[in-house]
Protein backbone atom coordinates (compact mmCIF):
# COMPACT_ATOMS: atom_id res chain seq x y z
CA MET A 1 0.00 0.00 0.00
CA GLN A 2 1.37 3.45 -0.92
CA LYS A 3 2.11 5.68 2.03
CA ILE A 4 0.86 9.25 2.21
CA SER A 5 2.08 12.10 4.40
CA LEU A 6 0.34 13.01 7.64
CA LEU A 7 -0.44 16.46 6.19
CA ALA A 8 -2.10 14.94 3.13
CA ALA A 9 -4.03 12.42 5.24
CA THR A 10 -5.36 15.18 7.50
CA ALA A 11 -6.38 17.23 4.51
CA LEU A 12 -8.27 14.33 3.03
CA ALA A 13 -10.04 13.69 6.32
CA LEU A 14 -11.14 17.31 6.53
CA SER A 15 -12.06 17.46 2.83
CA ILE A 16 -9.73 20.41 2.25
CA PRO A 17 -6.82 20.59 -0.22
CA ALA A 18 -3.36 19.71 1.05
CA MET A 19 -0.69 22.41 1.06
CA ALA A 20 0.20 23.09 -2.55
CA MET A 21 3.54 21.73 -3.69
CA PRO A 22 5.91 24.30 -5.18
CA PRO A 23 5.85 24.29 -8.98
CA PRO A 24 8.73 22.47 -10.71
CA LEU A 25 11.73 24.59 -11.57
CA PRO A 26 11.79 25.63 -15.23
CA PRO A 27 14.44 24.23 -17.60
CA VAL A 28 17.38 26.57 -18.12
CA GLU A 29 20.03 24.27 -19.53
CA GLY A 30 21.50 25.74 -22.69
CA LYS A 31 19.36 28.88 -22.51
CA ASP A 32 21.05 32.19 -23.20
CA ALA A 33 20.18 35.46 -21.50
CA ALA A 34 18.18 36.70 -24.48
CA THR A 35 15.91 33.64 -24.31
CA LEU A 36 15.41 34.02 -20.56
CA GLN A 37 14.63 37.70 -21.01
CA ALA A 38 11.97 36.86 -23.59
CA GLU A 39 10.39 34.38 -21.18
CA MET A 40 10.27 37.01 -18.44
CA THR A 41 8.85 39.59 -20.83
CA GLU A 42 6.08 37.15 -21.73
CA ARG A 43 5.44 36.61 -17.99
CA ARG A 44 6.15 32.90 -18.36
CA VAL A 45 8.61 32.95 -15.49
CA GLY A 46 10.02 35.39 -12.94
CA SER A 47 13.58 36.29 -12.20
CA ASP A 48 13.21 34.87 -8.70
CA VAL A 49 12.34 31.45 -10.10
CA ILE A 50 15.17 31.66 -12.63
CA ALA A 51 17.66 32.53 -9.89
CA ALA A 52 16.35 29.67 -7.73
CA THR A 53 16.74 27.30 -10.67
CA TYR A 54 20.38 28.23 -11.20
CA LEU A 55 21.06 27.91 -7.47
CA ASP A 56 19.53 24.45 -7.63
CA ARG A 57 21.77 23.53 -10.57
CA ILE A 58 24.79 24.73 -8.61
CA ARG A 59 23.81 22.46 -5.74
CA THR A 60 23.13 19.55 -8.10
CA LEU A 61 26.06 19.79 -10.52
CA ASP A 62 28.68 21.82 -8.69
CA ASP A 63 28.36 20.80 -5.04
CA ASN A 64 27.11 17.28 -5.80
CA GLY A 65 26.87 14.93 -8.77
CA PRO A 66 29.85 15.60 -11.05
CA LYS A 67 31.08 18.20 -8.51
CA LEU A 68 32.43 20.65 -11.05
CA ASN A 69 33.87 23.00 -8.40
CA ALA A 70 33.13 25.89 -10.75
CA VAL A 71 31.43 28.06 -8.12
CA ILE A 72 33.16 29.11 -4.90
CA ALA A 73 30.22 30.86 -3.23
CA THR A 74 26.72 32.17 -3.86
CA PHE A 75 25.23 35.36 -2.47
CA PRO A 76 22.58 34.75 0.21
CA ASP A 77 20.45 37.59 -1.16
CA ALA A 78 20.42 36.34 -4.78
CA THR A 79 16.74 35.40 -4.81
CA SER A 80 15.75 38.59 -2.98
CA GLN A 81 17.68 40.61 -5.58
CA ALA A 82 15.69 38.77 -8.24
CA HIS A 83 12.36 39.28 -6.44
CA ALA A 84 12.97 43.03 -6.19
CA LEU A 85 13.62 43.13 -9.93
CA ASP A 86 10.42 41.19 -10.56
CA LEU A 87 8.52 43.85 -8.61
CA GLU A 88 10.12 46.53 -10.77
CA ARG A 89 9.03 44.68 -13.90
CA GLN A 90 5.47 44.40 -12.57
CA ALA A 91 5.52 48.13 -11.95
CA GLY A 92 6.47 48.75 -15.57
CA ARG A 93 10.18 49.37 -15.13
CA VAL A 94 12.55 47.17 -17.11
CA ARG A 95 16.12 48.39 -16.99
CA GLY A 96 17.26 46.64 -20.16
CA PRO A 97 18.09 43.23 -21.62
CA LEU A 98 19.94 42.11 -18.48
CA HIS A 99 17.01 42.90 -16.16
CA GLY A 100 16.59 39.89 -13.86
CA ILE A 101 19.38 37.86 -15.49
CA PRO A 102 21.67 35.97 -13.07
CA VAL A 103 25.41 36.57 -13.44
CA LEU A 104 28.34 34.78 -11.81
CA ILE A 105 31.56 36.77 -11.39
CA LYS A 106 35.10 35.50 -11.05
CA ASP A 107 36.35 35.46 -7.48
CA ASN A 108 39.01 38.10 -8.06
CA ILE A 109 36.30 40.72 -8.66
CA GLU A 110 34.80 42.46 -5.65
CA ALA A 111 31.05 42.63 -5.02
CA ARG A 112 29.26 44.06 -2.02
CA GLY A 113 27.77 41.64 0.47
CA PRO A 114 29.06 39.01 2.87
CA VAL A 115 31.05 37.02 0.29
CA ALA A 116 34.84 37.38 0.30
CA THR A 117 36.94 38.17 -2.76
CA THR A 118 39.71 35.59 -2.42
CA ALA A 119 41.49 35.18 -5.78
CA GLY A 120 41.31 31.53 -4.69
CA SER A 121 43.85 32.01 -1.91
CA LEU A 122 43.54 31.30 1.79
CA ALA A 123 45.43 34.55 2.33
CA LEU A 124 42.27 36.45 1.31
CA LYS A 125 39.64 34.07 2.70
CA ASN A 126 38.33 36.89 4.95
CA ASN A 127 38.57 39.62 2.31
CA VAL A 128 34.99 40.86 2.59
CA THR A 129 35.30 44.40 1.25
CA ASN A 130 31.55 45.07 0.94
CA ARG A 131 32.14 47.18 -2.16
CA ASP A 132 31.28 46.68 -5.82
CA ALA A 133 33.87 46.81 -8.53
CA PRO A 134 32.62 49.42 -11.04
CA LEU A 135 31.82 46.71 -13.58
CA VAL A 136 29.65 44.95 -10.96
CA ALA A 137 27.93 48.24 -10.13
CA ARG A 138 27.17 48.66 -13.84
CA LEU A 139 25.70 45.16 -13.99
CA ARG A 140 23.49 45.86 -10.97
CA GLU A 141 22.32 49.15 -12.45
CA ALA A 142 21.37 47.27 -15.62
CA GLY A 143 19.25 44.89 -13.54
CA ALA A 144 21.54 41.85 -13.37
CA VAL A 145 21.29 39.51 -10.38
CA ILE A 146 24.74 38.89 -8.86
CA LEU A 147 24.39 35.19 -8.18
CA GLY A 148 27.82 34.27 -6.83
CA LYS A 149 31.56 33.88 -7.37
CA THR A 150 33.32 31.45 -9.68
CA ASN A 151 36.44 29.43 -8.96
CA LEU A 152 39.67 30.31 -10.72
CA SER A 153 43.27 29.34 -11.07
CA GLU A 154 44.64 30.76 -7.82
CA TRP A 155 46.02 34.30 -8.19
CA ALA A 156 44.92 34.13 -11.84
CA ASN A 157 47.60 31.49 -12.53
CA ILE A 158 50.58 33.74 -11.85
CA ARG A 159 52.05 32.00 -8.77
CA SER A 160 54.01 29.22 -10.46
CA ASN A 161 55.00 27.80 -13.84
CA ASN A 162 54.18 24.34 -12.44
CA SER A 163 50.57 25.06 -11.57
CA THR A 164 47.46 23.15 -12.56
CA SER A 165 44.97 25.50 -14.20
CA GLY A 166 41.60 25.64 -12.49
CA TRP A 167 42.93 24.81 -9.01
CA SER A 168 42.71 27.09 -6.01
CA ALA A 169 43.19 26.45 -2.32
CA ILE A 170 39.73 27.89 -1.68
CA GLY A 171 37.76 26.17 -4.44
CA GLY A 172 39.70 23.04 -5.29
CA LEU A 173 40.06 21.81 -8.88
CA THR A 174 37.50 22.89 -11.47
CA LYS A 175 36.38 20.11 -13.79
CA ASN A 176 35.54 20.37 -17.46
CA PRO A 177 31.84 19.49 -17.95
CA HIS A 178 32.62 17.91 -21.33
CA ALA A 179 34.90 15.33 -19.65
CA LEU A 180 35.44 15.54 -15.92
CA ASP A 181 39.08 14.46 -15.99
CA ARG A 182 39.95 17.26 -18.42
CA ASN A 183 41.24 20.72 -17.61
CA THR A 184 39.34 23.99 -17.86
CA CYS A 185 42.36 26.13 -18.83
CA GLY A 186 43.34 29.68 -18.04
CA SER A 187 42.57 31.48 -14.83
CA SER A 188 38.85 32.04 -15.56
CA ALA A 189 38.37 28.28 -15.35
CA GLY A 190 35.30 28.37 -13.12
CA SER A 191 33.62 31.01 -15.26
CA GLY A 192 34.10 28.89 -18.37
CA ALA A 193 32.85 25.67 -16.79
CA ALA A 194 29.92 27.42 -15.09
CA THR A 195 28.64 28.92 -18.34
CA ALA A 196 29.04 25.64 -20.22
CA ALA A 197 27.15 23.78 -17.49
CA SER A 198 24.39 26.44 -17.35
CA LEU A 199 25.10 27.36 -13.75
CA ALA A 200 24.38 30.89 -14.96
CA PRO A 201 23.67 32.24 -18.44
CA ILE A 202 26.45 34.82 -18.08
CA THR A 203 29.75 34.81 -16.23
CA ILE A 204 32.48 37.41 -15.99
CA GLY A 205 36.12 36.44 -16.34
CA THR A 206 39.38 38.31 -16.38
CA GLU A 207 42.34 37.95 -18.71
CA THR A 208 45.98 38.89 -18.71
CA ASP A 209 46.99 36.48 -21.48
CA GLY A 210 44.48 33.83 -22.53
CA SER A 211 42.54 33.62 -19.27
CA ILE A 212 39.15 34.40 -20.84
CA THR A 213 39.66 32.99 -24.31
CA CYS A 214 41.27 29.65 -23.42
CA PRO A 215 38.72 28.55 -20.78
CA ALA A 216 35.95 29.72 -23.10
CA GLY A 217 37.44 27.69 -25.92
CA VAL A 218 37.99 24.44 -24.01
CA ASN A 219 34.55 24.65 -22.38
CA GLY A 220 32.82 25.30 -25.69
CA ILE A 221 31.42 28.78 -25.08
CA VAL A 222 31.90 32.36 -26.25
CA GLY A 223 34.55 34.45 -24.51
CA PHE A 224 35.43 38.08 -25.20
CA LYS A 225 38.56 39.91 -24.07
CA PRO A 226 37.90 43.57 -24.85
CA THR A 227 40.37 46.30 -25.62
CA VAL A 228 42.32 47.05 -22.45
CA GLY A 229 40.86 50.27 -21.11
CA LEU A 230 37.29 49.67 -22.23
CA VAL A 231 36.28 48.09 -18.89
CA SER A 232 37.35 49.31 -15.45
CA ARG A 233 39.79 47.18 -13.43
CA THR A 234 39.13 48.96 -10.11
CA HIS A 235 38.57 46.54 -7.19
CA ILE A 236 39.80 43.57 -9.20
CA VAL A 237 42.78 41.61 -7.87
CA PRO A 238 45.50 42.46 -10.41
CA ILE A 239 48.44 41.01 -12.25
CA SER A 240 49.34 43.66 -14.81
CA HIS A 241 47.88 47.09 -15.49
CA SER A 242 49.27 46.82 -19.02
CA GLN A 243 47.31 43.69 -19.91
CA ASP A 244 44.55 43.01 -17.36
CA THR A 245 40.91 43.30 -18.37
CA ALA A 246 37.57 41.77 -17.48
CA GLY A 247 35.13 40.46 -20.05
CA PRO A 248 32.02 38.32 -20.62
CA MET A 249 31.84 34.53 -20.99
CA THR A 250 28.50 33.50 -22.46
CA LEU A 251 26.64 30.95 -24.56
CA THR A 252 26.22 33.36 -27.49
CA VAL A 253 27.96 36.32 -29.05
CA ARG A 254 24.79 38.39 -28.64
CA ASP A 255 24.89 37.88 -24.89
CA ALA A 256 28.56 38.91 -24.83
CA ALA A 257 27.67 42.06 -26.75
CA LEU A 258 24.80 42.82 -24.35
CA VAL A 259 27.17 42.55 -21.41
CA MET A 260 29.81 44.70 -23.06
CA THR A 261 27.26 47.44 -23.71
CA VAL A 262 26.65 47.53 -19.96
CA ILE A 263 30.14 47.17 -18.46
CA ALA A 264 32.13 49.35 -20.89
CA GLY A 265 32.84 52.87 -19.72
CA SER A 266 35.29 55.25 -18.14
CA ASP A 267 36.29 55.08 -14.48
CA PRO A 268 38.20 57.99 -12.91
CA ALA A 269 40.01 55.53 -10.66
CA ASP A 270 41.42 53.62 -13.67
CA PRO A 271 43.37 55.96 -15.97
CA ALA A 272 43.48 53.34 -18.73
CA THR A 273 39.73 53.85 -19.24
CA ALA A 274 39.94 57.57 -20.03
CA GLU A 275 38.77 57.01 -23.62
CA ALA A 276 36.17 54.34 -22.83
CA ASP A 277 33.12 56.58 -22.75
CA ALA A 278 34.04 58.04 -26.13
CA ARG A 279 34.81 54.63 -27.63
CA LYS A 280 31.97 52.47 -26.32
CA THR A 281 28.83 51.80 -28.34
CA ASP A 282 25.76 49.58 -28.35
CA TYR A 283 27.61 46.39 -29.22
CA ALA A 284 24.45 44.31 -29.63
CA ALA A 285 22.95 46.81 -32.05
CA ALA A 286 26.09 46.55 -34.18
CA LEU A 287 25.67 42.79 -34.70
CA SER A 288 24.71 41.59 -38.16
CA PRO A 289 24.65 38.18 -39.86
CA ASP A 290 26.18 39.97 -42.87
CA ALA A 291 29.12 41.42 -40.94
CA LEU A 292 31.69 39.27 -42.78
CA LYS A 293 30.49 40.27 -46.22
CA GLY A 294 33.26 42.14 -48.03
CA LYS A 295 35.73 41.70 -45.16
CA ARG A 296 39.32 40.55 -45.69
CA ILE A 297 40.45 38.14 -42.99
CA GLY A 298 44.08 37.34 -42.23
CA VAL A 299 44.61 33.70 -41.27
CA LEU A 300 47.30 33.08 -38.63
CA ARG A 301 48.26 29.82 -40.33
CA ASP A 302 51.59 29.42 -38.54
CA ARG A 303 49.88 29.50 -35.13
CA ILE A 304 47.48 26.55 -35.46
CA GLY A 305 49.91 23.66 -34.98
CA ASP A 306 50.06 20.47 -37.01
CA ARG A 307 47.03 18.43 -35.91
CA ALA A 308 44.94 17.20 -38.82
CA ASP A 309 41.74 17.17 -36.77
CA ILE A 310 42.13 20.80 -35.75
CA ASP A 311 43.14 21.74 -39.29
CA ALA A 312 39.92 20.20 -40.57
CA LEU A 313 37.76 22.18 -38.13
CA PHE A 314 39.59 25.41 -38.91
CA ASP A 315 39.41 24.92 -42.67
CA ALA A 316 35.67 24.26 -42.36
CA ALA A 317 35.31 27.49 -40.37
CA LEU A 318 37.22 29.44 -43.02
CA LYS A 319 35.03 27.93 -45.74
CA GLN A 320 31.98 29.09 -43.78
CA MET A 321 33.43 32.60 -43.61
CA THR A 322 34.06 32.72 -47.35
CA GLU A 323 30.47 31.61 -47.95
CA LEU A 324 29.45 34.59 -45.83
CA GLY A 325 31.31 36.89 -48.21
CA ALA A 326 34.73 37.16 -46.58
CA THR A 327 38.01 36.97 -48.44
CA VAL A 328 40.56 34.75 -46.69
CA VAL A 329 44.20 35.87 -46.80
CA GLU A 330 46.82 33.37 -45.66
CA ILE A 331 49.59 34.67 -43.37
CA ALA A 332 52.45 32.17 -43.38
CA ASP A 333 54.80 33.83 -40.89
CA SER A 334 53.07 36.00 -38.31
CA ARG A 335 55.96 35.56 -35.85
CA LYS A 336 58.64 37.20 -37.98
CA GLY A 337 60.42 39.95 -36.06
CA LEU A 338 58.59 39.16 -32.83
CA GLU A 339 61.11 36.74 -31.36
CA GLU A 340 61.74 38.92 -28.28
CA LEU A 341 58.07 39.44 -27.45
CA GLY A 342 57.79 36.60 -24.94
CA ASP A 343 60.72 37.74 -22.83
CA ALA A 344 59.54 41.34 -22.86
CA GLU A 345 56.01 40.35 -21.84
CA PHE A 346 57.33 38.20 -19.00
CA GLU A 347 59.45 41.05 -17.61
CA VAL A 348 56.42 43.34 -17.69
CA LEU A 349 54.18 40.83 -15.93
CA MET A 350 56.66 40.09 -13.17
CA THR A 351 57.41 43.73 -12.45
CA GLU A 352 53.80 44.91 -12.60
CA LEU A 353 52.63 41.98 -10.46
CA LYS A 354 54.80 43.17 -7.58
CA ALA A 355 53.74 46.81 -7.88
CA ASP A 356 50.06 46.33 -8.75
CA MET A 357 49.46 43.68 -6.09
CA ALA A 358 50.88 45.98 -3.42
CA THR A 359 48.60 48.79 -4.58
CA TYR A 360 45.55 46.54 -4.45
CA LEU A 361 46.34 44.99 -1.07
CA ALA A 362 47.17 48.35 0.50
CA GLY A 363 43.78 49.68 -0.63
CA LEU A 364 41.72 46.98 1.07
CA PRO A 365 39.39 48.23 3.81
CA ALA A 366 40.69 45.77 6.44
CA ARG A 367 43.65 46.92 8.50
CA ASP A 368 45.04 43.43 8.96
CA GLY A 369 45.95 40.93 6.25
CA PRO A 370 48.69 40.93 3.61
CA LYS A 371 49.73 44.27 2.16
CA THR A 372 52.54 43.31 -0.21
CA LEU A 373 53.61 40.45 -2.45
CA ALA A 374 56.26 39.63 0.16
CA ASP A 375 53.45 39.19 2.71
CA LEU A 376 51.72 36.71 0.39
CA ILE A 377 54.95 34.76 -0.05
CA ALA A 378 55.39 34.57 3.71
CA PHE A 379 51.78 33.49 4.18
CA ASN A 380 52.16 30.67 1.67
CA LYS A 381 55.31 29.43 3.38
CA ALA A 382 53.47 29.33 6.69
CA ASN A 383 50.44 27.51 5.25
CA PRO A 384 51.29 24.12 3.71
CA ALA A 385 47.85 23.80 2.10
CA GLU A 386 48.78 26.61 -0.27
CA LEU A 387 51.94 24.92 -1.55
CA LYS A 388 50.60 21.36 -1.54
CA TRP A 389 50.56 20.95 -5.32
CA PHE A 390 52.95 23.54 -6.71
CA ASP A 391 55.40 26.20 -5.63
CA GLN A 392 55.41 30.00 -5.73
CA SER A 393 58.47 30.49 -7.90
CA LEU A 394 56.84 33.24 -9.98
CA PHE A 395 55.82 35.15 -6.86
CA GLU A 396 59.40 34.93 -5.64
CA LEU A 397 60.79 36.03 -9.00
CA ALA A 398 58.39 38.98 -9.13
CA GLU A 399 59.42 40.01 -5.61
CA SER A 400 63.03 40.24 -6.80
CA LYS A 401 62.13 42.80 -9.50
CA GLY A 402 62.62 46.53 -9.26
CA GLY A 403 59.93 49.18 -9.41
CA LEU A 404 57.96 50.63 -12.30
CA ASP A 405 60.79 53.08 -12.89
CA SER A 406 63.47 50.40 -13.30
CA PRO A 407 65.26 50.55 -16.68
CA ALA A 408 64.69 46.84 -17.33
CA TYR A 409 60.96 47.26 -16.89
CA VAL A 410 60.63 50.46 -18.92
CA THR A 411 62.56 48.91 -21.80
CA ALA A 412 60.50 45.71 -21.69
CA ARG A 413 57.20 47.59 -21.44
CA ASP A 414 57.92 49.71 -24.48
CA LYS A 415 59.26 46.75 -26.47
CA ALA A 416 56.30 44.52 -25.65
CA ALA A 417 53.75 47.16 -26.64
CA ARG A 418 55.61 47.92 -29.86
CA LEU A 419 56.15 44.30 -30.92
CA ALA A 420 52.59 43.18 -30.20
CA GLY A 421 50.89 46.34 -31.44
CA ALA A 422 52.59 48.50 -34.06
CA GLU A 423 54.95 45.78 -35.31
CA GLY A 424 52.57 42.91 -34.59
CA ILE A 425 48.82 43.11 -35.16
CA ASP A 426 48.88 46.56 -36.77
CA ARG A 427 51.67 45.56 -39.18
CA LEU A 428 50.06 42.24 -40.10
CA MET A 429 46.75 43.89 -40.85
CA LYS A 430 48.36 46.65 -42.92
CA GLU A 431 50.79 44.47 -44.87
CA HIS A 432 48.12 41.93 -45.79
CA ASP A 433 45.34 44.53 -46.19
CA VAL A 434 42.96 42.73 -43.85
CA ASN A 435 40.22 43.91 -41.49
CA LEU A 436 40.61 41.13 -38.92
CA LEU A 437 42.86 38.27 -37.95
CA VAL A 438 41.59 34.76 -37.26
CA GLY A 439 43.24 31.75 -35.62
CA VAL A 440 42.61 28.70 -33.48
CA THR A 441 41.90 29.53 -29.84
CA ASN A 442 42.86 26.23 -28.22
CA GLY A 443 43.58 22.55 -28.61
CA PRO A 444 41.57 19.79 -26.93
CA ALA A 445 41.52 20.05 -23.13
CA TRP A 446 44.30 18.05 -21.52
CA THR A 447 43.88 15.76 -18.52
CA SER A 448 44.23 17.61 -15.23
CA ASP A 449 47.25 16.52 -13.20
CA LEU A 450 47.81 18.12 -9.81
CA VAL A 451 51.05 16.20 -9.29
CA ASN A 452 52.80 17.20 -12.51
CA GLY A 453 50.95 20.38 -13.43
CA ASP A 454 49.62 21.52 -16.80
CA HIS A 455 50.73 19.95 -20.05
CA TYR A 456 49.09 22.41 -22.41
CA THR A 457 50.35 22.03 -25.96
CA GLY A 458 48.32 24.66 -27.81
CA PRO A 459 47.58 26.03 -30.28
CA SER A 460 46.89 29.50 -28.95
CA ALA A 461 46.04 32.89 -30.45
CA SER A 462 46.10 34.87 -27.21
CA GLN A 463 49.53 36.48 -26.91
CA LEU A 464 49.45 39.20 -29.57
CA PRO A 465 46.07 40.69 -28.58
CA ALA A 466 46.83 40.22 -24.89
CA VAL A 467 50.11 42.12 -24.97
CA ALA A 468 48.86 44.73 -27.43
CA GLY A 469 45.67 45.17 -25.38
CA TYR A 470 43.49 44.59 -28.45
CA PRO A 471 40.11 42.79 -28.62
CA HIS A 472 39.98 39.00 -28.95
CA LEU A 473 36.79 36.93 -29.31
CA THR A 474 36.51 33.15 -29.31
CA VAL A 475 33.51 31.31 -30.73
CA PRO A 476 32.93 27.53 -30.77
CA MET A 477 33.92 25.90 -34.09
CA GLY A 478 33.41 22.22 -33.22
CA ALA A 479 35.03 19.51 -31.15
CA VAL A 480 37.75 16.87 -31.23
CA ALA A 481 36.65 13.65 -29.50
CA GLY A 482 33.88 15.67 -27.88
CA LEU A 483 36.32 18.29 -26.55
CA PRO A 484 35.46 21.81 -27.80
CA ILE A 485 37.74 23.91 -30.01
CA GLY A 486 37.29 27.65 -30.52
CA VAL A 487 38.03 29.98 -33.41
CA SER A 488 39.55 33.37 -32.58
CA PHE A 489 38.67 36.76 -34.07
CA ILE A 490 41.21 39.53 -33.38
CA GLY A 491 41.05 43.20 -34.29
CA GLY A 492 42.87 46.47 -33.79
CA ARG A 493 42.60 48.72 -30.77
CA TRP A 494 39.00 49.83 -30.08
CA ALA A 495 37.69 47.56 -32.88
CA ASP A 496 35.57 45.66 -30.34
CA ALA A 497 32.30 46.14 -32.19
CA ASP A 498 33.79 44.87 -35.46
CA VAL A 499 35.28 41.80 -33.77
CA LEU A 500 32.01 40.93 -32.05
CA ALA A 501 30.05 41.44 -35.28
CA ALA A 502 32.39 39.17 -37.25
CA GLY A 503 32.16 36.44 -34.63
CA TYR A 504 28.39 36.79 -34.52
CA ALA A 505 28.07 36.34 -38.29
CA TYR A 506 30.16 33.16 -38.15
CA GLU A 507 28.29 31.86 -35.10
CA GLN A 508 24.87 32.38 -36.66
CA ALA A 509 25.86 30.48 -39.80
CA SER A 510 27.83 27.69 -38.14
CA ARG A 511 26.06 26.87 -34.83
CA LYS A 512 28.97 24.74 -33.60
CA ARG A 513 28.47 24.90 -29.85
CA VAL A 514 28.15 21.43 -28.30
CA ALA A 515 26.41 20.72 -25.01
CA PRO A 516 28.43 19.16 -22.17
CA THR A 517 27.86 15.49 -21.36
CA TYR A 518 29.55 15.27 -17.92
CA ARG A 519 31.25 12.01 -18.88
CA VAL A 520 33.94 10.85 -16.49
CA SER A 521 36.65 10.64 -19.14
CA ILE A 522 37.21 10.27 -22.88
CA ASP A 523 36.29 6.77 -24.03
CA PRO A 524 39.35 4.70 -25.03
């Protein structure tokens, strides 16, 4: 005989209805922000229910089940944020296309509330600043629901050359939802995995060199690194003021453009953004399925490696672009004359890490806690959990560097900017008479190995736009053995709208995003 609850039995006896069960949570898997916004506009669902659904998915997929470890923390007021926005909608106020849309932000970006900004490190586990980074304030003003914080490669993957991407002492190891034993790449690992697994329709990542585009590529989503200076870096744990930027990680290019329209803008506290207000535009309005028509595209052929399976995907993507009206121009040697770029970039990153980290730490509201890179090094030495899997050799090297006025740094800074910009992307585009550059974003995700660290083999298209500070978009172009591969679109400084439009045109024609399967490993 089937058992019934005491409440139901009492209700039956009294001939009154039992307490109504809550309605089932709506499906959100694979839904982009634009789709969710349409459902809210049609009054089919409220933001509070959508937020609750994503929180349930985080509990089901991130805390349990496959245990992706993509989310470090959620905000306790997330559903109340959403409910307040629902009331605004009912009153006739809709702030824009992000109204009521949940967003996860990388845990090196500050947001007001009781959740710490840790950069994945135990050294900042109590770093509750209760202040919004300007980009978070812009998201809130646009009606976004700040759902929580995503895991990351600790300190944005700048502590050691022997690190495992996606691991932090706070959040553990992030898993790739396409194959759980595979890596999530770059420092915005949790943001990439969370978007792919529909733990939120939008996440925010940060990049210094490849930390948005690579995790977007290997997780099979869209990732956009904007021109450095288009988005404020205030209240974001830094590496390098020359290269750092935040940007969107989404299921579609349109969603990335919607986010960029909101978060772009000048910030008096970040001098790099002085031109942002004059340069920003409505990036979503600039999208067109015909954006590649008549465009000349330079192919970074020497940067895609020698894998036949990746070659086949890339050639198919190029064929799609030509069918959309683009002219493909092969570039056989994009590295010529740039042999010293890597060393110059490294010198810049090490020197700026020491200086910029001290500036950030000294500006924290708390009186106690680390205030310099040397303090972080000492903390790690005193806490074995931090150094369990890899060392802090890059921290120690950075600590040995001089200041921002040191001749070695000034020379390297100027050389890096020149080689990547004027003599790199700008030269390639001028010499080959092209509007954009395209390349392969990433190879198949490698197996994560905490003992031996990363064994990333490429390809990669990130360095030139990262060092130059130019826009770089990755869009899914297929998969190898079920592991996603992205195609990169790169433009000149402030050409963000053109890059997004080109990627959108390809995306709309190709539709190459694949859904994650959460398999344990690749079948032999």
